[in-house]
Protein backbone atom coordinates (compact mmCIF):
# COMPACT_ATOMS: atom_id res chain seq x y z
CA UNK A 1 11.70 15.83 -27.47
CA UNK A 2 8.85 15.01 -29.84
CA UNK A 3 8.39 11.53 -28.38
CA UNK A 4 8.07 12.93 -24.86
CA UNK A 5 5.68 15.66 -25.89
CA UNK A 6 3.59 13.18 -27.89
CA UNK A 7 3.43 10.81 -24.92
CA UNK A 8 5.26 7.90 -26.57
CA UNK A 9 8.62 7.64 -24.78
CA UNK A 10 10.98 4.82 -25.70
CA UNK A 11 13.81 5.19 -23.19
CA UNK A 12 12.36 7.12 -20.25
CA UNK A 13 9.45 7.18 -17.85
CA UNK A 14 7.60 9.73 -19.99
CA UNK A 15 7.69 12.59 -17.50
CA UNK A 16 8.20 16.03 -18.95
CA UNK A 17 11.53 16.67 -17.27
CA UNK A 18 15.09 17.33 -18.39
CA UNK A 19 16.10 13.95 -16.95
CA UNK A 20 13.54 12.18 -19.16
CA UNK A 21 14.58 14.28 -22.15
CA UNK A 22 18.21 13.31 -21.62
CA UNK A 23 17.25 9.64 -21.33
CA UNK A 24 15.22 9.85 -24.54
CA UNK A 25 18.12 11.54 -26.32
CA UNK A 26 20.63 9.04 -24.95
CA UNK A 27 22.80 11.72 -23.33
CA UNK A 28 23.66 12.59 -19.76
CA UNK A 29 21.54 15.18 -17.99
CA UNK A 30 24.40 17.63 -17.54
CA UNK A 31 24.76 17.81 -21.33
CA UNK A 32 21.34 19.50 -21.45
CA UNK A 33 21.66 21.57 -18.31
CA UNK A 34 25.18 22.87 -18.95
CA UNK A 35 26.21 22.47 -22.58
CA UNK A 36 22.97 22.64 -24.58
CA UNK A 37 20.83 24.95 -22.50
CA UNK A 38 19.11 26.13 -25.68
CA UNK A 39 17.60 22.66 -26.11
CA UNK A 40 16.51 22.58 -22.49
CA UNK A 41 14.91 26.01 -22.86
CA UNK A 42 13.19 24.98 -26.10
CA UNK A 43 11.87 21.84 -24.39
CA UNK A 44 10.38 23.82 -21.51
CA UNK A 45 8.94 26.37 -23.94
CA UNK A 46 7.21 23.62 -25.90
CA UNK A 47 5.84 22.14 -22.69
CA UNK A 48 4.47 25.53 -21.70
CA UNK A 49 3.00 26.05 -25.18
CA UNK A 50 1.41 22.61 -25.15
CA UNK A 51 -0.20 23.35 -21.74
CA UNK A 52 -1.22 19.76 -21.24
CA UNK A 53 0.31 16.52 -20.18
CA UNK A 54 0.59 13.69 -22.69
CA UNK A 55 -2.00 10.92 -22.56
CA UNK A 56 0.52 8.50 -21.08
CA UNK A 57 1.23 10.86 -18.19
CA UNK A 58 -2.49 11.37 -17.56
CA UNK A 59 -2.99 7.60 -17.55
CA UNK A 60 -0.09 7.14 -15.12
CA UNK A 61 -1.44 9.85 -12.84
CA UNK A 62 -4.87 8.20 -12.85
CA UNK A 63 -3.31 4.81 -12.16
CA UNK A 64 -1.25 6.34 -9.33
CA UNK A 65 -4.34 7.92 -7.80
CA UNK A 66 -6.18 4.60 -8.01
CA UNK A 67 -3.28 2.77 -6.36
CA UNK A 68 -3.12 5.41 -3.62
CA UNK A 69 -6.82 4.88 -2.92
CA UNK A 70 -6.33 1.11 -2.79
CA UNK A 71 -3.35 1.53 -0.47
CA UNK A 72 -5.45 3.70 1.83
CA UNK A 73 -8.20 1.06 1.85
CA UNK A 74 -5.68 -1.67 2.62
CA UNK A 75 -4.19 0.34 5.45
CA UNK A 76 -7.65 0.92 6.92
CA UNK A 77 -8.43 -2.80 6.65
CA UNK A 78 -5.08 -3.65 8.27
CA UNK A 79 -5.85 -1.27 11.12
CA UNK A 80 -9.27 -2.90 11.63
CA UNK A 81 -7.66 -6.34 11.81
CA UNK A 82 -5.05 -5.03 14.23
CA UNK A 83 -7.74 -3.58 16.51
CA UNK A 84 -9.71 -6.83 16.34
CA UNK A 85 -6.59 -8.87 17.15
CA UNK A 86 -5.82 -6.59 20.10
CA UNK A 87 -9.40 -6.97 21.39
CA UNK A 88 -9.21 -10.75 21.03
CA UNK A 89 -5.86 -10.83 22.84
CA UNK A 90 -7.34 -8.82 25.73
CA UNK A 91 -10.37 -11.12 25.89
CA UNK A 92 -8.12 -14.19 25.85
CA UNK A 93 -6.01 -12.72 28.65
CA UNK A 94 -9.10 -12.03 30.79
CA UNK A 95 -10.49 -15.52 30.15
CA UNK A 96 -7.14 -17.13 31.00
CA UNK A 97 -7.00 -15.24 34.30
CA UNK A 98 -10.60 -16.21 35.11
CA UNK A 99 -9.87 -19.84 34.19
CA UNK A 100 -6.82 -19.91 36.45
CA UNK A 101 -8.83 -18.46 39.33
CA UNK A 102 -11.60 -21.01 38.82
CA UNK A 103 -9.06 -23.87 38.73
CA UNK A 104 -7.46 -22.63 41.97
CA UNK A 105 -10.85 -22.32 43.60
CA UNK A 106 -11.86 -25.80 42.40
CA UNK A 107 -8.61 -27.35 43.66
CA UNK A 108 -9.24 -25.88 47.12
CA UNK A 109 -12.74 -27.34 47.25
CA UNK A 110 -11.69 -30.72 45.82
CA UNK A 111 -13.64 -30.53 42.60
CA UNK A 112 -12.15 -31.98 39.41
CA UNK A 113 -10.25 -29.42 37.38
CA UNK A 114 -10.48 -30.95 33.91
CA UNK A 115 -12.29 -29.03 31.23
CA UNK A 116 -15.97 -29.71 30.80
CA UNK A 117 -17.24 -29.51 27.23
CA UNK A 118 -20.00 -27.03 26.69
CA UNK A 119 -21.71 -29.30 24.19
CA UNK A 120 -21.61 -33.00 23.64
CA UNK A 121 -19.75 -34.12 20.55
CA UNK A 122 -21.52 -37.51 20.46
CA UNK A 123 -24.45 -37.92 18.16
CA UNK A 124 -27.63 -38.95 19.82
CA UNK A 125 -29.75 -41.71 18.28
CA UNK A 126 -33.04 -40.54 16.93
């Protein structure tokens, strides 16, 4: 009980619960909730008297809040990438349709249908 209240648990997650108390004591939870209710009541009374969480719990809560913020940022970034990918897929679809139409039109008029590079890849002599 003292280890939990001091914020230095050895066998549990450090939460101020009967489950953590049982883990720290090396007994099953039902031993505290059914057989030794006086210990359970004393534990809750000491928690209430202490009126604060141990330093380890405060640190874990702060770490949890930080991780939740990071998760939210990652989800927002993922959503941005998803929207960008969707926009690129739509643009690619439109360009593919336009390309097919231009190829059909060129084949009807007898023009070559091979791709024409937009820029020359050869270096020019200076």
